[in-house]
C-alpha atoms as a PDB file:
ATOM      1  CA  MET A   1     141.090 158.114  45.858  1.00  0.00           C
ATOM      2  CA  LEU A   2     139.213 160.776  47.879  1.00  0.00           C
ATOM      3  CA  SER A   3     136.255 159.368  49.755  1.00  0.00           C
ATOM      4  CA  GLY A   4     132.440 160.329  49.558  1.00  0.00           C
ATOM      5  CA  SER A   5     129.395 159.221  48.349  1.00  0.00           C
ATOM      6  CA  ILE A   6     128.012 159.875  44.978  1.00  0.00           C
ATOM      7  CA  PRO A   7     124.993 161.984  44.568  1.00  0.00           C
ATOM      8  CA  THR A   8     122.306 161.615  42.144  1.00  0.00           C
ATOM      9  CA  MET A   9     123.280 165.011  40.798  1.00  0.00           C
ATOM     10  CA  PHE A  10     126.465 167.110  40.111  1.00  0.00           C
ATOM     11  CA  ASP A  11     126.358 171.042  40.682  1.00  0.00           C
ATOM     12  CA  PRO A  12     126.274 172.172  37.152  1.00  0.00           C
ATOM     13  CA  THR A  13     128.507 175.589  38.508  1.00  0.00           C
ATOM     14  CA  HIS A  14     130.804 172.823  39.371  1.00  0.00           C
ATOM     15  CA  LEU A  15     131.157 171.037  36.478  1.00  0.00           C
ATOM     16  CA  ARG A  16     131.695 174.217  34.184  1.00  0.00           C
ATOM     17  CA  SER A  17     134.765 175.514  36.134  1.00  0.00           C
ATOM     18  CA  PHE A  18     136.065 171.842  36.132  1.00  0.00           C
ATOM     19  CA  LEU A  19     135.333 171.514  32.290  1.00  0.00           C
ATOM     20  CA  ALA A  20     136.984 174.882  31.777  1.00  0.00           C
ATOM     21  CA  VAL A  21     140.436 173.517  33.481  1.00  0.00           C
ATOM     22  CA  ALA A  22     139.984 170.615  31.683  1.00  0.00           C
ATOM     23  CA  GLU A  23     139.971 171.999  28.524  1.00  0.00           C
ATOM     24  CA  ASN A  24     142.871 174.755  29.507  1.00  0.00           C
ATOM     25  CA  LEU A  25     144.779 172.575  31.370  1.00  0.00           C
ATOM     26  CA  SER A  26     145.291 175.675  33.852  1.00  0.00           C
ATOM     27  CA  PHE A  27     143.122 177.315  36.550  1.00  0.00           C
ATOM     28  CA  THR A  28     144.441 180.623  35.825  1.00  0.00           C
ATOM     29  CA  LEU A  29     143.300 180.541  32.351  1.00  0.00           C
ATOM     30  CA  ALA A  30     139.867 178.996  33.533  1.00  0.00           C
ATOM     31  CA  ALA A  31     139.317 181.521  35.826  1.00  0.00           C
ATOM     32  CA  GLU A  32     140.160 184.017  33.015  1.00  0.00           C
ATOM     33  CA  ARG A  33     137.361 182.478  30.675  1.00  0.00           C
ATOM     34  CA  LEU A  34     134.788 182.159  33.182  1.00  0.00           C
ATOM     35  CA  ARG A  35     135.577 185.535  34.957  1.00  0.00           C
ATOM     36  CA  LEU A  36     136.022 183.967  38.530  1.00  0.00           C
ATOM     37  CA  ALA A  37     138.403 184.109  40.949  1.00  0.00           C
ATOM     38  CA  GLN A  38     141.112 181.362  40.576  1.00  0.00           C
ATOM     39  CA  PRO A  39     140.577 180.079  44.220  1.00  0.00           C
ATOM     40  CA  THR A  40     136.876 180.157  43.500  1.00  0.00           C
ATOM     41  CA  VAL A  41     137.309 177.437  40.653  1.00  0.00           C
ATOM     42  CA  SER A  42     139.654 175.660  42.565  1.00  0.00           C
ATOM     43  CA  GLN A  43     136.933 175.509  45.011  1.00  0.00           C
ATOM     44  CA  HIS A  44     134.158 174.360  42.717  1.00  0.00           C
ATOM     45  CA  VAL A  45     136.670 171.683  41.461  1.00  0.00           C
ATOM     46  CA  ALA A  46     137.634 170.442  44.885  1.00  0.00           C
ATOM     47  CA  LYS A  47     133.769 170.101  45.814  1.00  0.00           C
ATOM     48  CA  LEU A  48     133.096 168.175  42.328  1.00  0.00           C
ATOM     49  CA  GLU A  49     135.791 166.028  43.473  1.00  0.00           C
ATOM     50  CA  LYS A  50     134.433 165.272  46.858  1.00  0.00           C
ATOM     51  CA  ALA A  51     130.934 164.776  44.992  1.00  0.00           C
ATOM     52  CA  ALA A  52     132.476 162.241  42.849  1.00  0.00           C
ATOM     53  CA  GLY A  53     134.544 160.488  45.621  1.00  0.00           C
ATOM     54  CA  ARG A  54     137.251 160.443  42.652  1.00  0.00           C
ATOM     55  CA  LEU A  55     140.698 162.409  42.065  1.00  0.00           C
ATOM     56  CA  LEU A  56     139.852 164.209  39.139  1.00  0.00           C
ATOM     57  CA  LEU A  57     142.868 166.700  38.261  1.00  0.00           C
ATOM     58  CA  VAL A  58     146.650 166.472  39.270  1.00  0.00           C
ATOM     59  CA  ARG A  59     148.471 169.515  39.405  1.00  0.00           C
ATOM     60  CA  ASP A  60     152.339 169.300  39.810  1.00  0.00           C
ATOM     61  CA  THR A  61     155.226 171.574  38.539  1.00  0.00           C
ATOM     62  CA  HIS A  62     154.531 170.711  35.001  1.00  0.00           C
ATOM     63  CA  GLY A  63     150.964 172.049  35.345  1.00  0.00           C
ATOM     64  CA  VAL A  64     147.373 170.486  35.558  1.00  0.00           C
ATOM     65  CA  ARG A  65     146.295 167.020  33.948  1.00  0.00           C
ATOM     66  CA  LEU A  66     143.400 165.062  34.095  1.00  0.00           C
ATOM     67  CA  THR A  67     143.373 161.537  35.819  1.00  0.00           C
ATOM     68  CA  ASP A  68     141.536 158.994  34.114  1.00  0.00           C
ATOM     69  CA  ASN A  69     138.304 159.700  36.099  1.00  0.00           C
ATOM     70  CA  GLY A  70     138.925 163.027  35.089  1.00  0.00           C
ATOM     71  CA  ASP A  71     139.009 162.337  31.528  1.00  0.00           C
ATOM     72  CA  ALA A  72     135.562 160.430  31.868  1.00  0.00           C
ATOM     73  CA  MET A  73     134.304 163.524  33.898  1.00  0.00           C
ATOM     74  CA  ALA A  74     135.209 165.997  31.064  1.00  0.00           C
ATOM     75  CA  GLY A  75     132.682 163.663  28.972  1.00  0.00           C
ATOM     76  CA  PHE A  76     130.085 163.490  31.349  1.00  0.00           C
ATOM     77  CA  ALA A  77     130.100 167.153  32.304  1.00  0.00           C
ATOM     78  CA  ARG A  78     129.755 167.976  28.589  1.00  0.00           C
ATOM     79  CA  THR A  79     126.425 165.900  28.433  1.00  0.00           C
ATOM     80  CA  ILE A  80     125.108 167.170  31.467  1.00  0.00           C
ATOM     81  CA  LEU A  81     125.958 170.719  30.847  1.00  0.00           C
ATOM     82  CA  SER A  82     124.160 170.742  27.384  1.00  0.00           C
ATOM     83  CA  ALA A  83     121.154 168.792  28.364  1.00  0.00           C
ATOM     84  CA  HIS A  84     121.025 171.434  31.446  1.00  0.00           C
ATOM     85  CA  ASP A  85     121.175 174.571  29.091  1.00  0.00           C
ATOM     86  CA  ASP A  86     118.725 173.043  26.885  1.00  0.00           C
ATOM     87  CA  ALA A  87     116.309 172.438  29.739  1.00  0.00           C
ATOM     88  CA  ALA A  88     116.401 175.810  30.911  1.00  0.00           C
ATOM     89  CA  ARG A  89     116.218 177.249  27.321  1.00  0.00           C
ATOM     90  CA  TYR A  90     113.493 175.555  27.120  1.00  0.00           C
ATOM     91  CA  PHE A  91     111.103 176.333  30.328  1.00  0.00           C
ATOM     92  CA  ARG A  92     112.658 179.939  29.965  1.00  0.00           C
ATOM     93  CA  GLY A  93     110.587 180.198  26.438  1.00  0.00           C
ATOM     94  CA  GLU A  94     113.998 180.713  24.717  1.00  0.00           C
ATOM     95  CA  ALA A  95     113.333 178.379  21.543  1.00  0.00           C
ATOM     96  CA  MET A  96     115.268 180.924  19.160  1.00  0.00           C
ATOM     97  CA  ARG A  97     114.190 180.871  15.778  1.00  0.00           C
ATOM     98  CA  GLY A  98     115.381 182.891  12.492  1.00  0.00           C
ATOM     99  CA  ARG A  99     118.805 183.028  10.886  1.00  0.00           C
ATOM    100  CA  LEU A 100     122.138 183.919  11.992  1.00  0.00           C
ATOM    101  CA  ARG A 101     125.019 184.726   9.237  1.00  0.00           C
ATOM    102  CA  PHE A 102     128.329 183.435  10.876  1.00  0.00           C
ATOM    103  CA  GLY A 103     131.725 184.255   9.081  1.00  0.00           C
ATOM    104  CA  THR A 104     135.059 182.873  10.058  1.00  0.00           C
ATOM    105  CA  ALA A 105     138.709 183.275   9.146  1.00  0.00           C
ATOM    106  CA  ASP A 106     139.507 180.007   7.539  1.00  0.00           C
ATOM    107  CA  ASP A 107     142.375 179.149  10.039  1.00  0.00           C
ATOM    108  CA  LEU A 108     140.026 179.422  12.985  1.00  0.00           C
ATOM    109  CA  ALA A 109     138.402 176.455  11.670  1.00  0.00           C
ATOM    110  CA  ILE A 110     141.699 174.277  12.644  1.00  0.00           C
ATOM    111  CA  THR A 111     140.544 175.082  16.588  1.00  0.00           C
ATOM    112  CA  GLY A 112     138.139 174.051  18.701  1.00  0.00           C
ATOM    113  CA  LEU A 113     135.395 176.412  16.582  1.00  0.00           C
ATOM    114  CA  PRO A 114     133.645 173.290  14.731  1.00  0.00           C
ATOM    115  CA  ARG A 115     132.738 171.782  18.131  1.00  0.00           C
ATOM    116  CA  ILE A 116     131.626 174.822  19.495  1.00  0.00           C
ATOM    117  CA  LEU A 117     129.240 175.240  16.241  1.00  0.00           C
ATOM    118  CA  ARG A 118     128.007 171.699  16.532  1.00  0.00           C
ATOM    119  CA  GLU A 119     127.198 172.267  20.349  1.00  0.00           C
ATOM    120  CA  PHE A 120     125.570 175.726  19.409  1.00  0.00           C
ATOM    121  CA  ARG A 121     123.283 174.306  16.457  1.00  0.00           C
ATOM    122  CA  ARG A 122     122.540 171.099  19.048  1.00  0.00           C
ATOM    123  CA  ALA A 123     121.465 173.942  21.748  1.00  0.00           C
ATOM    124  CA  TYR A 124     119.431 175.911  18.984  1.00  0.00           C
ATOM    125  CA  PRO A 125     117.735 173.453  16.474  1.00  0.00           C
ATOM    126  CA  GLN A 126     115.437 176.229  15.130  1.00  0.00           C
ATOM    127  CA  LEU A 127     117.731 178.936  14.133  1.00  0.00           C
ATOM    128  CA  ASN A 128     119.206 178.835  10.703  1.00  0.00           C
ATOM    129  CA  LEU A 129     123.134 179.091  11.243  1.00  0.00           C
ATOM    130  CA  GLU A 130     124.624 180.068   7.777  1.00  0.00           C
ATOM    131  CA  LEU A 131     128.525 179.738   7.773  1.00  0.00           C
ATOM    132  CA  THR A 132     130.852 181.815   5.451  1.00  0.00           C
ATOM    133  CA  VAL A 133     134.366 180.604   5.702  1.00  0.00           C
ATOM    134  CA  SER A 134     136.691 183.566   4.224  1.00  0.00           C
ATOM    135  CA  GLN A 135     139.798 185.608   4.728  1.00  0.00           C
ATOM    136  CA  SER A 136     139.538 188.112   7.494  1.00  0.00           C
ATOM    137  CA  ASP A 137     139.719 191.074   5.560  1.00  0.00           C
ATOM    138  CA  ASP A 138     136.447 190.060   2.941  1.00  0.00           C
ATOM    139  CA  LEU A 139     134.617 188.959   5.888  1.00  0.00           C
ATOM    140  CA  HIS A 140     134.939 192.766   7.710  1.00  0.00           C
ATOM    141  CA  ARG A 141     134.255 193.901   4.568  1.00  0.00           C
ATOM    142  CA  ARG A 142     130.850 191.723   4.143  1.00  0.00           C
ATOM    143  CA  LEU A 143     129.935 192.597   7.774  1.00  0.00           C
ATOM    144  CA  LYS A 144     130.129 196.487   6.903  1.00  0.00           C
ATOM    145  CA  ALA A 145     127.953 195.699   3.882  1.00  0.00           C
ATOM    146  CA  GLY A 146     125.183 193.902   6.194  1.00  0.00           C
ATOM    147  CA  GLN A 147     125.703 190.615   4.715  1.00  0.00           C
ATOM    148  CA  LEU A 148     127.204 188.885   7.776  1.00  0.00           C
ATOM    149  CA  ASP A 149     125.862 189.324  11.384  1.00  0.00           C
ATOM    150  CA  LEU A 150     128.905 188.383  13.030  1.00  0.00           C
ATOM    151  CA  VAL A 151     132.515 187.557  12.279  1.00  0.00           C
ATOM    152  CA  PHE A 152     135.201 185.736  13.855  1.00  0.00           C
ATOM    153  CA  ILE A 153     138.578 187.160  12.349  1.00  0.00           C
ATOM    154  CA  LYS A 154     141.928 187.924  12.862  1.00  0.00           C
ATOM    155  CA  TRP A 155     142.521 191.318  13.521  1.00  0.00           C
ATOM    156  CA  VAL A 156     145.515 193.780  14.269  1.00  0.00           C
ATOM    157  CA  ALA A 157     145.750 193.629  18.055  1.00  0.00           C
ATOM    158  CA  GLY A 158     144.851 196.334  20.165  1.00  0.00           C
ATOM    159  CA  ALA A 159     142.152 197.483  17.227  1.00  0.00           C
ATOM    160  CA  GLN A 160     139.576 198.234  19.939  1.00  0.00           C
ATOM    161  CA  GLU A 161     136.894 197.119  17.625  1.00  0.00           C
ATOM    162  CA  GLY A 162     134.707 194.104  18.214  1.00  0.00           C
ATOM    163  CA  THR A 163     135.240 191.413  21.256  1.00  0.00           C
ATOM    164  CA  VAL A 164     138.864 189.984  21.955  1.00  0.00           C
ATOM    165  CA  VAL A 165     138.708 186.317  22.340  1.00  0.00           C
ATOM    166  CA  ARG A 166     142.066 185.883  22.549  1.00  0.00           C
ATOM    167  CA  GLN A 167     145.522 187.393  21.789  1.00  0.00           C
ATOM    168  CA  ASP A 168     148.063 185.766  20.170  1.00  0.00           C
ATOM    169  CA  THR A 169     151.342 186.258  18.435  1.00  0.00           C
ATOM    170  CA  PHE A 170     152.664 185.478  15.266  1.00  0.00           C
ATOM    171  CA  SER A 171     155.373 183.189  14.342  1.00  0.00           C
ATOM    172  CA  TRP A 172     157.359 182.009  11.365  1.00  0.00           C
ATOM    173  CA  VAL A 173     156.788 178.735  10.768  1.00  0.00           C
ATOM    174  CA  GLY A 174     158.490 175.639   8.497  1.00  0.00           C
ATOM    175  CA  VAL A 175     159.189 172.271   8.577  1.00  0.00           C
ATOM    176  CA  GLU A 176     162.099 170.852  10.579  1.00  0.00           C
ATOM    177  CA  GLU A 177     164.412 170.534   7.625  1.00  0.00           C
ATOM    178  CA  THR A 178     163.749 174.194   6.780  1.00  0.00           C
ATOM    179  CA  ALA A 179     167.443 175.961   5.301  1.00  0.00           C
ATOM    180  CA  LEU A 180     167.462 179.710   4.728  1.00  0.00           C
ATOM    181  CA  ASP A 181     170.408 181.356   3.218  1.00  0.00           C
ATOM    182  CA  PRO A 182     170.909 184.935   4.460  1.00  0.00           C
ATOM    183  CA  GLY A 183     171.647 186.097   1.125  1.00  0.00           C
ATOM    184  CA  ASP A 184     168.528 184.744  -0.623  1.00  0.00           C
ATOM    185  CA  PRO A 185     165.179 185.758  -0.855  1.00  0.00           C
ATOM    186  CA  VAL A 186     162.989 184.451   2.135  1.00  0.00           C
ATOM    187  CA  PRO A 187     160.612 181.850   0.475  1.00  0.00           C
ATOM    188  CA  LEU A 188     157.050 182.986   1.588  1.00  0.00           C
ATOM    189  CA  VAL A 189     153.689 180.772   1.996  1.00  0.00           C
ATOM    190  CA  ALA A 190     150.988 183.249   1.940  1.00  0.00           C
ATOM    191  CA  TYR A 191     147.217 184.101   1.616  1.00  0.00           C
ATOM    192  CA  PRO A 192     146.832 186.417  -1.421  1.00  0.00           C
ATOM    193  CA  ALA A 193     146.262 190.408  -0.639  1.00  0.00           C
ATOM    194  CA  PRO A 194     145.074 192.044   1.450  1.00  0.00           C
ATOM    195  CA  SER A 195     145.622 189.387   4.174  1.00  0.00           C
ATOM    196  CA  LEU A 196     147.039 190.670   7.688  1.00  0.00           C
ATOM    197  CA  SER A 197     149.552 187.674   8.043  1.00  0.00           C
ATOM    198  CA  ARG A 198     150.562 188.395   4.585  1.00  0.00           C
ATOM    199  CA  THR A 199     151.174 192.270   4.989  1.00  0.00           C
ATOM    200  CA  LEU A 200     152.991 191.954   8.316  1.00  0.00           C
ATOM    201  CA  ALA A 201     155.056 189.170   7.077  1.00  0.00           C
ATOM    202  CA  ILE A 202     156.183 191.618   4.256  1.00  0.00           C
ATOM    203  CA  GLN A 203     156.427 194.750   6.119  1.00  0.00           C
ATOM    204  CA  ALA A 204     158.906 193.054   9.017  1.00  0.00           C
ATOM    205  CA  LEU A 205     160.841 191.550   6.385  1.00  0.00           C
ATOM    206  CA  GLU A 206     161.246 194.938   4.447  1.00  0.00           C
ATOM    207  CA  ALA A 207     161.940 196.974   7.874  1.00  0.00           C
ATOM    208  CA  SER A 208     164.675 194.416   8.598  1.00  0.00           C
ATOM    209  CA  GLY A 209     166.401 194.484   5.084  1.00  0.00           C
ATOM    210  CA  ARG A 210     165.452 191.064   4.468  1.00  0.00           C
ATOM    211  CA  ARG A 211     164.409 190.307   0.598  1.00  0.00           C
ATOM    212  CA  TRP A 212     161.572 187.909   0.092  1.00  0.00           C
ATOM    213  CA  LYS A 213     159.685 186.008  -2.849  1.00  0.00           C
ATOM    214  CA  VAL A 214     156.121 184.581  -3.157  1.00  0.00           C
ATOM    215  CA  THR A 215     156.875 180.964  -3.387  1.00  0.00           C
ATOM    216  CA  CYS A 216     152.961 179.800  -2.815  1.00  0.00           C
ATOM    217  CA  SER A 217     149.570 181.876  -3.037  1.00  0.00           C
ATOM    218  CA  THR A 218     146.611 180.149  -1.539  1.00  0.00           C
ATOM    219  CA  LYS A 219     143.310 180.952   0.041  1.00  0.00           C
ATOM    220  CA  GLN A 220     143.097 178.312   2.032  1.00  0.00           C
ATOM    221  CA  ILE A 221     144.871 177.049   5.296  1.00  0.00           C
ATOM    222  CA  ALA A 222     145.057 173.426   4.009  1.00  0.00           C
ATOM    223  CA  GLY A 223     147.303 175.104   1.015  1.00  0.00           C
ATOM    224  CA  VAL A 224     148.925 176.989   3.429  1.00  0.00           C
ATOM    225  CA  LEU A 225     150.181 173.857   5.527  1.00  0.00           C
ATOM    226  CA  ALA A 226     150.419 171.781   2.364  1.00  0.00           C
ATOM    227  CA  ALA A 227     152.726 174.080   0.773  1.00  0.00           C
ATOM    228  CA  ILE A 228     154.892 174.311   4.143  1.00  0.00           C
ATOM    229  CA  ARG A 229     154.796 170.946   4.699  1.00  0.00           C
ATOM    230  CA  ALA A 230     156.320 170.220   0.884  1.00  0.00           C
ATOM    231  CA  GLY A 231     159.268 172.562   1.651  1.00  0.00           C
ATOM    232  CA  LEU A 232     158.016 175.321  -0.832  1.00  0.00           C
ATOM    233  CA  GLY A 233     158.835 177.998   1.982  1.00  0.00           C
ATOM    234  CA  VAL A 234     158.048 179.358   5.453  1.00  0.00           C
ATOM    235  CA  ALA A 235     154.895 181.127   6.226  1.00  0.00           C
ATOM    236  CA  VAL A 236     153.052 183.432   9.095  1.00  0.00           C
ATOM    237  CA  MET A 237     151.035 181.623  11.383  1.00  0.00           C
ATOM    238  CA  PRO A 238     149.421 182.447  14.828  1.00  0.00           C
ATOM    239  CA  THR A 239     151.521 180.495  17.444  1.00  0.00           C
ATOM    240  CA  THR A 240     148.820 178.872  19.213  1.00  0.00           C
ATOM    241  CA  LEU A 241     147.576 177.497  15.636  1.00  0.00           C
ATOM    242  CA  VAL A 242     151.014 175.893  14.677  1.00  0.00           C
ATOM    243  CA  PRO A 243     150.108 172.243  14.072  1.00  0.00           C
ATOM    244  CA  THR A 244     152.430 169.958  15.977  1.00  0.00           C
ATOM    245  CA  ASP A 245     154.472 168.640  13.086  1.00  0.00           C
ATOM    246  CA  LEU A 246     155.729 172.079  12.143  1.00  0.00           C
ATOM    247  CA  LYS A 247     158.431 174.010  13.718  1.00  0.00           C
ATOM    248  CA  ILE A 248     158.760 177.787  14.929  1.00  0.00           C
ATOM    249  CA  ILE A 249     161.871 178.839  13.201  1.00  0.00           C
ATOM    250  CA  THR A 250     161.814 182.522  14.222  1.00  0.00           C
ATOM    251  CA  HIS A 251     164.863 182.517  16.084  1.00  0.00           C
ATOM    252  CA  ARG A 252     166.786 179.959  14.428  1.00  0.00           C
ATOM    253  CA  PHE A 253     167.271 182.137  11.333  1.00  0.00           C
ATOM    254  CA  ASP A 254     166.848 185.488  12.907  1.00  0.00           C
ATOM    255  CA  LEU A 255     163.528 186.533  11.168  1.00  0.00           C
ATOM    256  CA  PRO A 256     162.163 189.588  12.096  1.00  0.00           C
ATOM    257  CA  PRO A 257     159.290 189.651  15.005  1.00  0.00           C
ATOM    258  CA  VAL A 258     155.786 190.152  13.340  1.00  0.00           C
ATOM    259  CA  GLY A 259     153.659 191.365  16.105  1.00  0.00           C
ATOM    260  CA  ASP A 260     150.520 190.524  17.880  1.00  0.00           C
ATOM    261  CA  VAL A 261     147.107 189.472  16.546  1.00  0.00           C
ATOM    262  CA  ASP A 262     143.550 189.553  18.336  1.00  0.00           C
ATOM    263  CA  PHE A 263     141.107 186.692  17.761  1.00  0.00           C
ATOM    264  CA  THR A 264     138.226 189.272  17.293  1.00  0.00           C
ATOM    265  CA  LEU A 265     134.340 188.725  17.239  1.00  0.00           C
ATOM    266  CA  ILE A 266     132.647 191.884  15.420  1.00  0.00           C
ATOM    267  CA  ARG A 267     128.903 192.152  15.184  1.00  0.00           C
ATOM    268  CA  ASN A 268     126.602 193.476  12.855  1.00  0.00           C
ATOM    269  CA  PRO A 269     124.667 196.097  14.781  1.00  0.00           C
ATOM    270  CA  LEU A 270     121.576 195.484  13.269  1.00  0.00           C
ATOM    271  CA  ALA A 271     121.727 191.379  13.568  1.00  0.00           C
ATOM    272  CA  ASN A 272     119.391 189.782  15.700  1.00  0.00           C
ATOM    273  CA  SER A 273     120.797 190.638  18.922  1.00  0.00           C
ATOM    274  CA  ALA A 274     119.737 187.655  21.017  1.00  0.00           C
ATOM    275  CA  ALA A 275     121.075 184.984  18.503  1.00  0.00           C
ATOM    276  CA  VAL A 276     124.405 187.042  18.093  1.00  0.00           C
ATOM    277  CA  ASP A 277     124.264 187.381  22.044  1.00  0.00           C
ATOM    278  CA  ALA A 278     124.197 183.320  22.120  1.00  0.00           C
ATOM    279  CA  LEU A 279     126.843 182.705  19.656  1.00  0.00           C
ATOM    280  CA  THR A 280     129.202 185.068  20.879  1.00  0.00           C
ATOM    281  CA  GLU A 281     128.965 183.590  24.712  1.00  0.00           C
ATOM    282  CA  ALA A 282     129.228 179.939  23.469  1.00  0.00           C
ATOM    283  CA  ILE A 283     132.389 180.806  21.760  1.00  0.00           C
ATOM    284  CA  LEU A 284     133.875 183.099  24.859  1.00  0.00           C
ATOM    285  CA  GLY A 285     132.754 180.229  26.833  1.00  0.00           C
ATOM    286  CA  ARG A 286     134.763 177.467  25.391  1.00  0.00           C
ATOM    287  CA  THR A 287     138.571 176.827  24.940  1.00  0.00           C
ATOM    288  CA  LEU A 288     139.455 177.333  21.256  1.00  0.00           C
ATOM    289  CA  GLY A 289     142.841 175.338  21.345  1.00  0.00           C
ATOM    290  CA  ARG A 290     144.005 173.689  17.858  1.00  0.00           C
ATOM    291  CA  THR A 291     142.798 170.273  16.987  1.00  0.00           C
END
């Protein structure tokens, strides 16, 4: 146990660095997310541990993990930082009003995004947040038509449009019992066209000379996951979004690589810039890990 007396107040800067490490379980990723040098993040965490008089994180050859005290501190940190930010906005006169039309790709809803939106609504109670959930291509069209203010979508890696929150790689996904005969068409579970994952999967299969057939077409991630779990076929998903009960089978059946994907925020230049900036900052400042 680290020595030290507990002060009446914890430094918000130290709490933000600790929470970023706690949510990413990585000092490197936390530093990238906060746009700080890694030694700075380490110093912040060390100072917080000294102030708390407790060991909050353990680093070993396997990575970073929270202690019981660290898990408790993460909960307190979220509460403290939320109250701190609310107070700062209040005394700066930043009570934001109006509406923000936000669209998100269906499968990004299985990340930490709902938690981020819940915290955002609590921080800006007078801002009317209107949520649209759909496929990325549909959301992009609606943004260009002026029907949405900000969209969070899966986009072709390196498209150079919008702000990239995270880059990921597509993987082929199935159940443990999946069996594919190299001579048979690949049974494909996919979103309806035009879907980025569907398009790239079919292009990859055809380029490698593999035949395919769509065994399930669904507009929702819940339908995709249900079809995979029922053994109806395999699907292409961003690797970090693969649920723990499903398996990445790309190499098991020599399926062709599909490529990378960017989780991207794209804004409407005519929208309420303050509201768009606030939600963009909220998403960039939090980890998205799957739920």
